[in-house]
Amino acid sequence: MALDRVEVIRNNVGILKAEAARFSAAITSNAQTAILDRQTLTGDDGDAALQSANEDSDAGVAANLNMSDEQTAHAIDAIRGNMYGICEMCNIDIPTARLDARPQATKCVPCQAEEEARTVEWQ
């Protein structure tokens, strides 16, 4: 049985708040791990290569966590502004199935695709 729109939005409020807490903890943990990694290296060439690889990996993880955290915070802001579930580009209701699948969504699929296409053009 599919949930109605109000139920999906109500459920997503809790999901988004939990995700925000999880991302915050993960970002902190990732930063602490990076610091510990640097402190445990002895300084030889192998350690330098390992440190470089770890820093690249840590930077990628941090970027993904930060992006997810920003998307979650943006959706929470939409909830606070009573705009959650409404596309911020075309102002139509975001389909319930999209909100159910992607609680952080603040755009309908066509508008999200349009934005991503523009982003690719600029890169």
PDB file of N, CA and C in Angstrom:
ATOM      1  N   MET A   1       0.839  -1.179   0.000  1.00  0.00           N
ATOM      2  CA  MET A   1       0.000   0.000   0.000  1.00  0.00           C
ATOM      3  C   MET A   1       0.888   1.247   0.000  1.00  0.00           C
ATOM      4  N   ALA A   2       0.649   2.122  -0.912  1.00  0.00           N
ATOM      5  CA  ALA A   2       1.429   3.356  -1.016  1.00  0.00           C
ATOM      6  C   ALA A   2       0.979   4.350   0.052  1.00  0.00           C
ATOM      7  N   LEU A   3       1.951   5.045   0.601  1.00  0.00           N
ATOM      8  CA  LEU A   3       1.650   6.083   1.580  1.00  0.00           C
ATOM      9  C   LEU A   3       1.120   7.316   0.856  1.00  0.00           C
ATOM     10  N   ASP A   4       0.234   8.047   1.506  1.00  0.00           N
ATOM     11  CA  ASP A   4      -0.221   9.287   0.892  1.00  0.00           C
ATOM     12  C   ASP A   4       0.839  10.369   1.091  1.00  0.00           C
ATOM     13  N   ARG A   5       0.679  11.468   0.396  1.00  0.00           N
ATOM     14  CA  ARG A   5       1.669  12.549   0.370  1.00  0.00           C
ATOM     15  C   ARG A   5       1.989  13.082   1.768  1.00  0.00           C
ATOM     16  N   VAL A   6       0.982  13.297   2.578  1.00  0.00           N
ATOM     17  CA  VAL A   6       1.199  13.837   3.926  1.00  0.00           C
ATOM     18  C   VAL A   6       2.014  12.852   4.766  1.00  0.00           C
ATOM     19  N   GLU A   7       1.712  11.566   4.652  1.00  0.00           N
ATOM     20  CA  GLU A   7       2.463  10.562   5.406  1.00  0.00           C
ATOM     21  C   GLU A   7       3.918  10.503   4.958  1.00  0.00           C
ATOM     22  N   VAL A   8       4.155  10.573   3.649  1.00  0.00           N
ATOM     23  CA  VAL A   8       5.522  10.546   3.128  1.00  0.00           C
ATOM     24  C   VAL A   8       6.304  11.742   3.657  1.00  0.00           C
ATOM     25  N   ILE A   9       5.699  12.916   3.585  1.00  0.00           N
ATOM     26  CA  ILE A   9       6.382  14.123   4.066  1.00  0.00           C
ATOM     27  C   ILE A   9       6.650  14.021   5.562  1.00  0.00           C
ATOM     28  N   ARG A  10       5.669  13.579   6.320  1.00  0.00           N
ATOM     29  CA  ARG A  10       5.837  13.425   7.765  1.00  0.00           C
ATOM     30  C   ARG A  10       6.970  12.431   8.072  1.00  0.00           C
ATOM     31  N   ASN A  11       6.997  11.311   7.380  1.00  0.00           N
ATOM     32  CA  ASN A  11       8.062  10.321   7.576  1.00  0.00           C
ATOM     33  C   ASN A  11       9.422  10.896   7.200  1.00  0.00           C
ATOM     34  N   ASN A  12       9.452  11.671   6.113  1.00  0.00           N
ATOM     35  CA  ASN A  12      10.727  12.209   5.645  1.00  0.00           C
ATOM     36  C   ASN A  12      11.322  13.239   6.589  1.00  0.00           C
ATOM     37  N   VAL A  13      10.511  13.933   7.342  1.00  0.00           N
ATOM     38  CA  VAL A  13      11.039  14.877   8.331  1.00  0.00           C
ATOM     39  C   VAL A  13      11.957  14.126   9.299  1.00  0.00           C
ATOM     40  N   GLY A  14      11.477  13.018   9.827  1.00  0.00           N
ATOM     41  CA  GLY A  14      12.296  12.214  10.739  1.00  0.00           C
ATOM     42  C   GLY A  14      13.522  11.635  10.059  1.00  0.00           C
ATOM     43  N   ILE A  15      13.346  11.154   8.826  1.00  0.00           N
ATOM     44  CA  ILE A  15      14.474  10.592   8.077  1.00  0.00           C
ATOM     45  C   ILE A  15      15.543  11.653   7.860  1.00  0.00           C
ATOM     46  N   LEU A  16      15.147  12.842   7.438  1.00  0.00           N
ATOM     47  CA  LEU A  16      16.111  13.909   7.159  1.00  0.00           C
ATOM     48  C   LEU A  16      16.845  14.356   8.415  1.00  0.00           C
ATOM     49  N   LYS A  17      16.138  14.460   9.527  1.00  0.00           N
ATOM     50  CA  LYS A  17      16.796  14.847  10.782  1.00  0.00           C
ATOM     51  C   LYS A  17      17.798  13.787  11.209  1.00  0.00           C
ATOM     52  N   ALA A  18      17.439  12.513  11.067  1.00  0.00           N
ATOM     53  CA  ALA A  18      18.360  11.427  11.412  1.00  0.00           C
ATOM     54  C   ALA A  18      19.572  11.437  10.485  1.00  0.00           C
ATOM     55  N   GLU A  19      19.344  11.684   9.192  1.00  0.00           N
ATOM     56  CA  GLU A  19      20.464  11.747   8.253  1.00  0.00           C
ATOM     57  C   GLU A  19      21.389  12.907   8.568  1.00  0.00           C
ATOM     58  N   ALA A  20      20.837  14.041   8.944  1.00  0.00           N
ATOM     59  CA  ALA A  20      21.670  15.195   9.286  1.00  0.00           C
ATOM     60  C   ALA A  20      22.587  14.851  10.455  1.00  0.00           C
ATOM     61  N   ALA A  21      22.053  14.178  11.459  1.00  0.00           N
ATOM     62  CA  ALA A  21      22.873  13.776  12.610  1.00  0.00           C
ATOM     63  C   ALA A  21      23.932  12.760  12.190  1.00  0.00           C
ATOM     64  N   ARG A  22      23.542  11.825  11.322  1.00  0.00           N
ATOM     65  CA  ARG A  22      24.479  10.794  10.865  1.00  0.00           C
ATOM     66  C   ARG A  22      25.600  11.413  10.039  1.00  0.00           C
ATOM     67  N   PHE A  23      25.268  12.333   9.140  1.00  0.00           N
ATOM     68  CA  PHE A  23      26.300  12.977   8.329  1.00  0.00           C
ATOM     69  C   PHE A  23      27.249  13.798   9.192  1.00  0.00           C
ATOM     70  N   SER A  24      26.712  14.492  10.173  1.00  0.00           N
ATOM     71  CA  SER A  24      27.553  15.285  11.072  1.00  0.00           C
ATOM     72  C   SER A  24      28.548  14.390  11.808  1.00  0.00           C
ATOM     73  N   ALA A  25      28.071  13.267  12.314  1.00  0.00           N
ATOM     74  CA  ALA A  25      28.953  12.323  13.011  1.00  0.00           C
ATOM     75  C   ALA A  25      29.989  11.725  12.061  1.00  0.00           C
ATOM     76  N   ALA A  26      29.567  11.395  10.846  1.00  0.00           N
ATOM     77  CA  ALA A  26      30.491  10.806   9.875  1.00  0.00           C
ATOM     78  C   ALA A  26      31.565  11.801   9.448  1.00  0.00           C
ATOM     79  N   ILE A  27      31.188  13.066   9.277  1.00  0.00           N
ATOM     80  CA  ILE A  27      32.157  14.095   8.903  1.00  0.00           C
ATOM     81  C   ILE A  27      33.192  14.261  10.013  1.00  0.00           C
ATOM     82  N   THR A  28      32.730  14.297  11.248  1.00  0.00           N
ATOM     83  CA  THR A  28      33.643  14.402  12.395  1.00  0.00           C
ATOM     84  C   THR A  28      34.561  13.194  12.468  1.00  0.00           C
ATOM     85  N   SER A  29      33.999  12.009  12.313  1.00  0.00           N
ATOM     86  CA  SER A  29      34.783  10.775  12.365  1.00  0.00           C
ATOM     87  C   SER A  29      35.820  10.732  11.253  1.00  0.00           C
ATOM     88  N   ASN A  30      35.435  11.140  10.042  1.00  0.00           N
ATOM     89  CA  ASN A  30      36.361  11.143   8.913  1.00  0.00           C
ATOM     90  C   ASN A  30      37.530  12.094   9.184  1.00  0.00           C
ATOM     91  N   ALA A  31      37.249  13.249   9.748  1.00  0.00           N
ATOM     92  CA  ALA A  31      38.307  14.217  10.060  1.00  0.00           C
ATOM     93  C   ALA A  31      39.230  13.672  11.148  1.00  0.00           C
ATOM     94  N   GLN A  32      38.656  13.028  12.155  1.00  0.00           N
ATOM     95  CA  GLN A  32      39.471  12.462  13.232  1.00  0.00           C
ATOM     96  C   GLN A  32      40.356  11.325  12.714  1.00  0.00           C
ATOM     97  N   THR A  33      39.816  10.515  11.826  1.00  0.00           N
ATOM     98  CA  THR A  33      40.598   9.424  11.236  1.00  0.00           C
ATOM     99  C   THR A  33      41.762   9.980  10.434  1.00  0.00           C
ATOM    100  N   ALA A  34      41.535  11.028   9.683  1.00  0.00           N
ATOM    101  CA  ALA A  34      42.602  11.646   8.896  1.00  0.00           C
ATOM    102  C   ALA A  34      43.713  12.172   9.799  1.00  0.00           C
ATOM    103  N   ILE A  35      43.349  12.761  10.923  1.00  0.00           N
ATOM    104  CA  ILE A  35      44.350  13.266  11.867  1.00  0.00           C
ATOM    105  C   ILE A  35      45.153  12.109  12.454  1.00  0.00           C
ATOM    106  N   LEU A  36      44.474  11.053  12.865  1.00  0.00           N
ATOM    107  CA  LEU A  36      45.166   9.884  13.422  1.00  0.00           C
ATOM    108  C   LEU A  36      46.079   9.241  12.392  1.00  0.00           C
ATOM    109  N   ASP A  37      45.633   9.161  11.149  1.00  0.00           N
ATOM    110  CA  ASP A  37      46.471   8.591  10.090  1.00  0.00           C
ATOM    111  C   ASP A  37      47.771   9.361   9.956  1.00  0.00           C
ATOM    112  N   ARG A  38      47.700  10.679   9.998  1.00  0.00           N
ATOM    113  CA  ARG A  38      48.899  11.502   9.872  1.00  0.00           C
ATOM    114  C   ARG A  38      49.838  11.325  11.071  1.00  0.00           C
ATOM    115  N   GLN A  39      49.267  11.135  12.238  1.00  0.00           N
ATOM    116  CA  GLN A  39      50.080  11.021  13.455  1.00  0.00           C
ATOM    117  C   GLN A  39      50.794   9.677  13.564  1.00  0.00           C
ATOM    118  N   THR A  40      50.292   8.640  12.899  1.00  0.00           N
ATOM    119  CA  THR A  40      50.877   7.308  13.042  1.00  0.00           C
ATOM    120  C   THR A  40      51.932   6.990  12.003  1.00  0.00           C
ATOM    121  N   LEU A  41      52.154   7.852  11.032  1.00  0.00           N
ATOM    122  CA  LEU A  41      53.139   7.583   9.994  1.00  0.00           C
ATOM    123  C   LEU A  41      54.540   7.888  10.504  1.00  0.00           C
ATOM    124  N   THR A  42      55.517   7.074  10.042  1.00  0.00           N
ATOM    125  CA  THR A  42      56.888   7.216  10.529  1.00  0.00           C
ATOM    126  C   THR A  42      57.752   8.157   9.710  1.00  0.00           C
ATOM    127  N   GLY A  43      57.348   8.464   8.495  1.00  0.00           N
ATOM    128  CA  GLY A  43      58.090   9.439   7.716  1.00  0.00           C
ATOM    129  C   GLY A  43      58.908   8.867   6.574  1.00  0.00           C
ATOM    130  N   ASP A  44      58.917   7.548   6.332  1.00  0.00           N
ATOM    131  CA  ASP A  44      59.678   7.023   5.207  1.00  0.00           C
ATOM    132  C   ASP A  44      58.876   7.167   3.907  1.00  0.00           C
ATOM    133  N   ASP A  45      59.493   6.763   2.776  1.00  0.00           N
ATOM    134  CA  ASP A  45      58.846   6.930   1.469  1.00  0.00           C
ATOM    135  C   ASP A  45      57.531   6.161   1.369  1.00  0.00           C
ATOM    136  N   GLY A  46      57.479   4.977   1.932  1.00  0.00           N
ATOM    137  CA  GLY A  46      56.244   4.186   1.914  1.00  0.00           C
ATOM    138  C   GLY A  46      55.133   4.896   2.663  1.00  0.00           C
ATOM    139  N   ASP A  47      55.476   5.478   3.804  1.00  0.00           N
ATOM    140  CA  ASP A  47      54.482   6.228   4.570  1.00  0.00           C
ATOM    141  C   ASP A  47      54.003   7.452   3.810  1.00  0.00           C
ATOM    142  N   ALA A  48      54.925   8.103   3.092  1.00  0.00           N
ATOM    143  CA  ALA A  48      54.539   9.289   2.324  1.00  0.00           C
ATOM    144  C   ALA A  48      53.534   8.911   1.226  1.00  0.00           C
ATOM    145  N   ALA A  49      53.792   7.780   0.563  1.00  0.00           N
ATOM    146  CA  ALA A  49      52.864   7.330  -0.486  1.00  0.00           C
ATOM    147  C   ALA A  49      51.517   6.950   0.128  1.00  0.00           C
ATOM    148  N   LEU A  50      51.562   6.241   1.256  1.00  0.00           N
ATOM    149  CA  LEU A  50      50.325   5.845   1.933  1.00  0.00           C
ATOM    150  C   LEU A  50      49.554   7.079   2.399  1.00  0.00           C
ATOM    151  N   GLN A  51      50.270   8.054   2.941  1.00  0.00           N
ATOM    152  CA  GLN A  51      49.615   9.274   3.404  1.00  0.00           C
ATOM    153  C   GLN A  51      48.943   9.997   2.244  1.00  0.00           C
ATOM    154  N   SER A  52      49.613  10.060   1.108  1.00  0.00           N
ATOM    155  CA  SER A  52      49.035  10.722  -0.057  1.00  0.00           C
ATOM    156  C   SER A  52      47.770  10.006  -0.521  1.00  0.00           C
ATOM    157  N   ALA A  53      47.810   8.684  -0.573  1.00  0.00           N
ATOM    158  CA  ALA A  53      46.631   7.906  -0.978  1.00  0.00           C
ATOM    159  C   ALA A  53      45.498   8.086   0.029  1.00  0.00           C
ATOM    160  N   ASN A  54      45.836   8.047   1.317  1.00  0.00           N
ATOM    161  CA  ASN A  54      44.816   8.228   2.358  1.00  0.00           C
ATOM    162  C   ASN A  54      44.191   9.617   2.292  1.00  0.00           C
ATOM    163  N   GLU A  55      45.000  10.636   2.042  1.00  0.00           N
ATOM    164  CA  GLU A  55      44.481  12.003   1.961  1.00  0.00           C
ATOM    165  C   GLU A  55      43.540  12.158   0.765  1.00  0.00           C
ATOM    166  N   ASP A  56      43.900  11.531  -0.368  1.00  0.00           N
ATOM    167  CA  ASP A  56      43.017  11.572  -1.538  1.00  0.00           C
ATOM    168  C   ASP A  56      41.691  10.896  -1.226  1.00  0.00           C
ATOM    169  N   SER A  57      41.767   9.738  -0.580  1.00  0.00           N
ATOM    170  CA  SER A  57      40.554   8.997  -0.220  1.00  0.00           C
ATOM    171  C   SER A  57      39.730   9.790   0.791  1.00  0.00           C
ATOM    172  N   ASP A  58      40.395  10.314   1.807  1.00  0.00           N
ATOM    173  CA  ASP A  58      39.700  11.101   2.824  1.00  0.00           C
ATOM    174  C   ASP A  58      39.020  12.334   2.211  1.00  0.00           C
ATOM    175  N   ALA A  59      39.681  12.968   1.255  1.00  0.00           N
ATOM    176  CA  ALA A  59      39.112  14.157   0.608  1.00  0.00           C
ATOM    177  C   ALA A  59      37.867  13.777  -0.182  1.00  0.00           C
ATOM    178  N   GLY A  60      37.895  12.642  -0.859  1.00  0.00           N
ATOM    179  CA  GLY A  60      36.725  12.186  -1.610  1.00  0.00           C
ATOM    180  C   GLY A  60      35.565  11.854  -0.696  1.00  0.00           C
ATOM    181  N   VAL A  61      35.865  11.152   0.384  1.00  0.00           N
ATOM    182  CA  VAL A  61      34.822  10.818   1.360  1.00  0.00           C
ATOM    183  C   VAL A  61      34.250  12.097   1.962  1.00  0.00           C
ATOM    184  N   ALA A  62      35.115  13.015   2.334  1.00  0.00           N
ATOM    185  CA  ALA A  62      34.662  14.279   2.935  1.00  0.00           C
ATOM    186  C   ALA A  62      33.785  15.066   1.960  1.00  0.00           C
ATOM    187  N   ALA A  63      34.176  15.102   0.688  1.00  0.00           N
ATOM    188  CA  ALA A  63      33.383  15.838  -0.301  1.00  0.00           C
ATOM    189  C   ALA A  63      31.992  15.221  -0.450  1.00  0.00           C
ATOM    190  N   ASN A  64      31.926  13.889  -0.511  1.00  0.00           N
ATOM    191  CA  ASN A  64      30.627  13.218  -0.628  1.00  0.00           C
ATOM    192  C   ASN A  64      29.769  13.435   0.614  1.00  0.00           C
ATOM    193  N   LEU A  65      30.385  13.339   1.785  1.00  0.00           N
ATOM    194  CA  LEU A  65      29.636  13.562   3.022  1.00  0.00           C
ATOM    195  C   LEU A  65      29.126  14.995   3.101  1.00  0.00           C
ATOM    196  N   ASN A  66      29.984  15.939   2.746  1.00  0.00           N
ATOM    197  CA  ASN A  66      29.576  17.349   2.793  1.00  0.00           C
ATOM    198  C   ASN A  66      28.444  17.638   1.815  1.00  0.00           C
ATOM    199  N   MET A  67      28.520  17.063   0.608  1.00  0.00           N
ATOM    200  CA  MET A  67      27.461  17.282  -0.374  1.00  0.00           C
ATOM    201  C   MET A  67      26.141  16.696   0.135  1.00  0.00           C
ATOM    202  N   SER A  68      26.193  15.483   0.679  1.00  0.00           N
ATOM    203  CA  SER A  68      24.976  14.862   1.209  1.00  0.00           C
ATOM    204  C   SER A  68      24.430  15.650   2.386  1.00  0.00           C
ATOM    205  N   ASP A  69      25.324  16.142   3.236  1.00  0.00           N
ATOM    206  CA  ASP A  69      24.910  16.945   4.379  1.00  0.00           C
ATOM    207  C   ASP A  69      24.246  18.245   3.918  1.00  0.00           C
ATOM    208  N   GLU A  70      24.818  18.881   2.897  1.00  0.00           N
ATOM    209  CA  GLU A  70      24.239  20.125   2.371  1.00  0.00           C
ATOM    210  C   GLU A  70      22.859  19.875   1.758  1.00  0.00           C
ATOM    211  N   GLN A  71      22.703  18.769   1.023  1.00  0.00           N
ATOM    212  CA  GLN A  71      21.404  18.445   0.424  1.00  0.00           C
ATOM    213  C   GLN A  71      20.358  18.194   1.507  1.00  0.00           C
ATOM    214  N   THR A  72      20.766  17.497   2.561  1.00  0.00           N
ATOM    215  CA  THR A  72      19.847  17.219   3.664  1.00  0.00           C
ATOM    216  C   THR A  72      19.461  18.509   4.374  1.00  0.00           C
ATOM    217  N   ALA A  73      20.431  19.363   4.645  1.00  0.00           N
ATOM    218  CA  ALA A  73      20.151  20.645   5.300  1.00  0.00           C
ATOM    219  C   ALA A  73      19.230  21.507   4.430  1.00  0.00           C
ATOM    220  N   HIS A  74      19.429  21.460   3.123  1.00  0.00           N
ATOM    221  CA  HIS A  74      18.591  22.230   2.195  1.00  0.00           C
ATOM    222  C   HIS A  74      17.147  21.728   2.258  1.00  0.00           C
ATOM    223  N   ALA A  75      16.974  20.416   2.308  1.00  0.00           N
ATOM    224  CA  ALA A  75      15.615  19.852   2.407  1.00  0.00           C
ATOM    225  C   ALA A  75      14.977  20.221   3.750  1.00  0.00           C
ATOM    226  N   ILE A  76      15.767  20.204   4.819  1.00  0.00           N
ATOM    227  CA  ILE A  76      15.241  20.591   6.132  1.00  0.00           C
ATOM    228  C   ILE A  76      14.829  22.068   6.119  1.00  0.00           C
ATOM    229  N   ASP A  77      15.612  22.903   5.456  1.00  0.00           N
ATOM    230  CA  ASP A  77      15.230  24.320   5.311  1.00  0.00           C
ATOM    231  C   ASP A  77      13.901  24.448   4.566  1.00  0.00           C
ATOM    232  N   ALA A  78      13.698  23.609   3.538  1.00  0.00           N
ATOM    233  CA  ALA A  78      12.430  23.635   2.796  1.00  0.00           C
ATOM    234  C   ALA A  78      11.273  23.231   3.707  1.00  0.00           C
ATOM    235  N   ILE A  79      11.513  22.270   4.591  1.00  0.00           N
ATOM    236  CA  ILE A  79      10.477  21.864   5.551  1.00  0.00           C
ATOM    237  C   ILE A  79      10.131  23.045   6.456  1.00  0.00           C
ATOM    238  N   ARG A  80      11.159  23.697   6.977  1.00  0.00           N
ATOM    239  CA  ARG A  80      10.936  24.847   7.877  1.00  0.00           C
ATOM    240  C   ARG A  80      10.183  25.971   7.176  1.00  0.00           C
ATOM    241  N   GLY A  81      10.407  26.127   5.876  1.00  0.00           N
ATOM    242  CA  GLY A  81       9.737  27.170   5.117  1.00  0.00           C
ATOM    243  C   GLY A  81       8.419  26.722   4.505  1.00  0.00           C
ATOM    244  N   ASN A  82       7.946  25.548   4.927  1.00  0.00           N
ATOM    245  CA  ASN A  82       6.703  24.971   4.401  1.00  0.00           C
ATOM    246  C   ASN A  82       6.729  24.831   2.878  1.00  0.00           C
ATOM    247  N   MET A  83       7.887  24.577   2.323  1.00  0.00           N
ATOM    248  CA  MET A  83       8.031  24.406   0.875  1.00  0.00           C
ATOM    249  C   MET A  83       8.488  22.998   0.508  1.00  0.00           C
ATOM    250  N   TYR A  84       8.645  22.122   1.503  1.00  0.00           N
ATOM    251  CA  TYR A  84       9.096  20.762   1.220  1.00  0.00           C
ATOM    252  C   TYR A  84       8.048  20.041   0.377  1.00  0.00           C
ATOM    253  N   GLY A  85       8.529  19.366  -0.661  1.00  0.00           N
ATOM    254  CA  GLY A  85       7.628  18.640  -1.542  1.00  0.00           C
ATOM    255  C   GLY A  85       7.174  19.457  -2.734  1.00  0.00           C
ATOM    256  N   ILE A  86       7.628  20.709  -2.807  1.00  0.00           N
ATOM    257  CA  ILE A  86       7.311  21.587  -3.936  1.00  0.00           C
ATOM    258  C   ILE A  86       8.625  21.886  -4.655  1.00  0.00           C
ATOM    259  N   CYS A  87       8.656  21.658  -5.952  1.00  0.00           N
ATOM    260  CA  CYS A  87       9.871  21.891  -6.729  1.00  0.00           C
ATOM    261  C   CYS A  87      10.291  23.355  -6.610  1.00  0.00           C
ATOM    262  N   GLU A  88      11.548  23.576  -6.246  1.00  0.00           N
ATOM    263  CA  GLU A  88      12.023  24.942  -6.068  1.00  0.00           C
ATOM    264  C   GLU A  88      12.290  25.657  -7.394  1.00  0.00           C
ATOM    265  N   MET A  89      12.193  24.928  -8.508  1.00  0.00           N
ATOM    266  CA  MET A  89      12.389  25.576  -9.806  1.00  0.00           C
ATOM    267  C   MET A  89      11.054  25.883 -10.502  1.00  0.00           C
ATOM    268  N   CYS A  90      10.129  24.916 -10.527  1.00  0.00           N
ATOM    269  CA  CYS A  90       8.883  25.120 -11.284  1.00  0.00           C
ATOM    270  C   CYS A  90       7.646  25.242 -10.389  1.00  0.00           C
ATOM    271  N   ASN A  91       7.836  25.057  -9.094  1.00  0.00           N
ATOM    272  CA  ASN A  91       6.773  25.214  -8.099  1.00  0.00           C
ATOM    273  C   ASN A  91       5.611  24.221  -8.216  1.00  0.00           C
ATOM    274  N   ILE A  92       5.842  23.080  -8.856  1.00  0.00           N
ATOM    275  CA  ILE A  92       4.808  22.041  -8.855  1.00  0.00           C
ATOM    276  C   ILE A  92       5.142  21.031  -7.762  1.00  0.00           C
ATOM    277  N   ASP A  93       4.148  20.244  -7.360  1.00  0.00           N
ATOM    278  CA  ASP A  93       4.394  19.216  -6.348  1.00  0.00           C
ATOM    279  C   ASP A  93       5.378  18.179  -6.879  1.00  0.00           C
ATOM    280  N   ILE A  94       6.369  17.859  -6.071  1.00  0.00           N
ATOM    281  CA  ILE A  94       7.288  16.771  -6.399  1.00  0.00           C
ATOM    282  C   ILE A  94       6.517  15.477  -6.171  1.00  0.00           C
ATOM    283  N   PRO A  95       6.527  14.557  -7.133  1.00  0.00           N
ATOM    284  CA  PRO A  95       5.773  13.315  -6.958  1.00  0.00           C
ATOM    285  C   PRO A  95       6.154  12.581  -5.668  1.00  0.00           C
ATOM    286  N   THR A  96       5.146  12.017  -5.030  1.00  0.00           N
ATOM    287  CA  THR A  96       5.342  11.305  -3.766  1.00  0.00           C
ATOM    288  C   THR A  96       6.373  10.192  -3.908  1.00  0.00           C
ATOM    289  N   ALA A  97       6.353   9.486  -5.026  1.00  0.00           N
ATOM    290  CA  ALA A  97       7.319   8.400  -5.232  1.00  0.00           C
ATOM    291  C   ALA A  97       8.752   8.928  -5.188  1.00  0.00           C
ATOM    292  N   ARG A  98       8.995  10.116  -5.747  1.00  0.00           N
ATOM    293  CA  ARG A  98      10.339  10.703  -5.703  1.00  0.00           C
ATOM    294  C   ARG A  98      10.717  11.070  -4.272  1.00  0.00           C
ATOM    295  N   LEU A  99       9.799  11.683  -3.554  1.00  0.00           N
ATOM    296  CA  LEU A  99      10.089  12.046  -2.161  1.00  0.00           C
ATOM    297  C   LEU A  99      10.327  10.816  -1.308  1.00  0.00           C
ATOM    298  N   ASP A 100       9.587   9.758  -1.589  1.00  0.00           N
ATOM    299  CA  ASP A 100       9.753   8.518  -0.844  1.00  0.00           C
ATOM    300  C   ASP A 100      11.121   7.901  -1.135  1.00  0.00           C
ATOM    301  N   ALA A 101      11.536   7.942  -2.403  1.00  0.00           N
ATOM    302  CA  ALA A 101      12.816   7.358  -2.801  1.00  0.00           C
ATOM    303  C   ALA A 101      14.004   8.249  -2.449  1.00  0.00           C
ATOM    304  N   ARG A 102      13.795   9.546  -2.491  1.00  0.00           N
ATOM    305  CA  ARG A 102      14.890  10.513  -2.262  1.00  0.00           C
ATOM    306  C   ARG A 102      14.376  11.646  -1.387  1.00  0.00           C
ATOM    307  N   PRO A 103      14.376  11.437  -0.068  1.00  0.00           N
ATOM    308  CA  PRO A 103      13.834  12.452   0.839  1.00  0.00           C
ATOM    309  C   PRO A 103      14.492  13.824   0.708  1.00  0.00           C
ATOM    310  N   GLN A 104      15.749  13.875   0.237  1.00  0.00           N
ATOM    311  CA  GLN A 104      16.452  15.153   0.101  1.00  0.00           C
ATOM    312  C   GLN A 104      16.015  15.942  -1.125  1.00  0.00           C
ATOM    313  N   ALA A 105      15.166  15.372  -1.975  1.00  0.00           N
ATOM    314  CA  ALA A 105      14.785  16.026  -3.227  1.00  0.00           C
ATOM    315  C   ALA A 105      14.079  17.352  -2.964  1.00  0.00           C
ATOM    316  N   THR A 106      14.553  18.380  -3.634  1.00  0.00           N
ATOM    317  CA  THR A 106      13.894  19.689  -3.582  1.00  0.00           C
ATOM    318  C   THR A 106      13.496  20.147  -4.984  1.00  0.00           C
ATOM    319  N   LYS A 107      13.694  19.244  -5.965  1.00  0.00           N
ATOM    320  CA  LYS A 107      13.301  19.525  -7.347  1.00  0.00           C
ATOM    321  C   LYS A 107      12.625  18.284  -7.920  1.00  0.00           C
ATOM    322  N   CYS A 108      11.696  18.507  -8.855  1.00  0.00           N
ATOM    323  CA  CYS A 108      11.101  17.384  -9.571  1.00  0.00           C
ATOM    324  C   CYS A 108      12.157  16.806 -10.518  1.00  0.00           C
ATOM    325  N   VAL A 109      11.910  15.627 -11.043  1.00  0.00           N
ATOM    326  CA  VAL A 109      12.896  14.967 -11.901  1.00  0.00           C
ATOM    327  C   VAL A 109      13.247  15.805 -13.134  1.00  0.00           C
ATOM    328  N   PRO A 110      12.282  16.348 -13.874  1.00  0.00           N
ATOM    329  CA  PRO A 110      12.665  17.151 -15.048  1.00  0.00           C
ATOM    330  C   PRO A 110      13.534  18.367 -14.690  1.00  0.00           C
ATOM    331  N   CYS A 111      13.207  19.057 -13.625  1.00  0.00           N
ATOM    332  CA  CYS A 111      14.007  20.225 -13.224  1.00  0.00           C
ATOM    333  C   CYS A 111      15.391  19.805 -12.727  1.00  0.00           C
ATOM    334  N   GLN A 112      15.476  18.697 -12.002  1.00  0.00           N
ATOM    335  CA  GLN A 112      16.766  18.196 -11.534  1.00  0.00           C
ATOM    336  C   GLN A 112      17.641  17.825 -12.732  1.00  0.00           C
ATOM    337  N   ALA A 113      17.045  17.162 -13.726  1.00  0.00           N
ATOM    338  CA  ALA A 113      17.797  16.783 -14.924  1.00  0.00           C
ATOM    339  C   ALA A 113      18.284  18.020 -15.675  1.00  0.00           C
ATOM    340  N   GLU A 114      17.427  19.038 -15.758  1.00  0.00           N
ATOM    341  CA  GLU A 114      17.809  20.286 -16.420  1.00  0.00           C
ATOM    342  C   GLU A 114      18.977  20.946 -15.698  1.00  0.00           C
ATOM    343  N   GLU A 115      18.924  20.968 -14.368  1.00  0.00           N
ATOM    344  CA  GLU A 115      20.011  21.575 -13.596  1.00  0.00           C
ATOM    345  C   GLU A 115      21.311  20.800 -13.777  1.00  0.00           C
ATOM    346  N   GLU A 116      21.224  19.476 -13.741  1.00  0.00           N
ATOM    347  CA  GLU A 116      22.426  18.657 -13.914  1.00  0.00           C
ATOM    348  C   GLU A 116      23.015  18.828 -15.310  1.00  0.00           C
ATOM    349  N   ALA A 117      22.167  18.962 -16.328  1.00  0.00           N
ATOM    350  CA  ALA A 117      22.651  19.181 -17.697  1.00  0.00           C
ATOM    351  C   ALA A 117      23.399  20.506 -17.783  1.00  0.00           C
ATOM    352  N   ARG A 118      22.864  21.539 -17.138  1.00  0.00           N
ATOM    353  CA  ARG A 118      23.552  22.844 -17.123  1.00  0.00           C
ATOM    354  C   ARG A 118      24.890  22.743 -16.411  1.00  0.00           C
ATOM    355  N   THR A 119      24.947  21.993 -15.332  1.00  0.00           N
ATOM    356  CA  THR A 119      26.178  21.819 -14.572  1.00  0.00           C
ATOM    357  C   THR A 119      27.239  21.141 -15.433  1.00  0.00           C
ATOM    358  N   VAL A 120      26.833  20.115 -16.180  1.00  0.00           N
ATOM    359  CA  VAL A 120      27.760  19.403 -17.059  1.00  0.00           C
ATOM    360  C   VAL A 120      28.278  20.339 -18.149  1.00  0.00           C
ATOM    361  N   GLU A 121      27.415  21.184 -18.694  1.00  0.00           N
ATOM    362  CA  GLU A 121      27.816  22.129 -19.732  1.00  0.00           C
ATOM    363  C   GLU A 121      28.892  23.082 -19.233  1.00  0.00           C
ATOM    364  N   TRP A 122      28.835  23.471 -17.971  1.00  0.00           N
ATOM    365  CA  TRP A 122      29.784  24.432 -17.413  1.00  0.00           C
ATOM    366  C   TRP A 122      31.117  23.809 -17.042  1.00  0.00           C
ATOM    367  N   GLN A 123      31.163  22.480 -16.975  1.00  0.00           N
ATOM    368  CA  GLN A 123      32.415  21.825 -16.556  1.00  0.00           C
ATOM    369  C   GLN A 123      33.358  21.602 -17.706  1.00  0.00           C
TER     370      GLN A 123
END
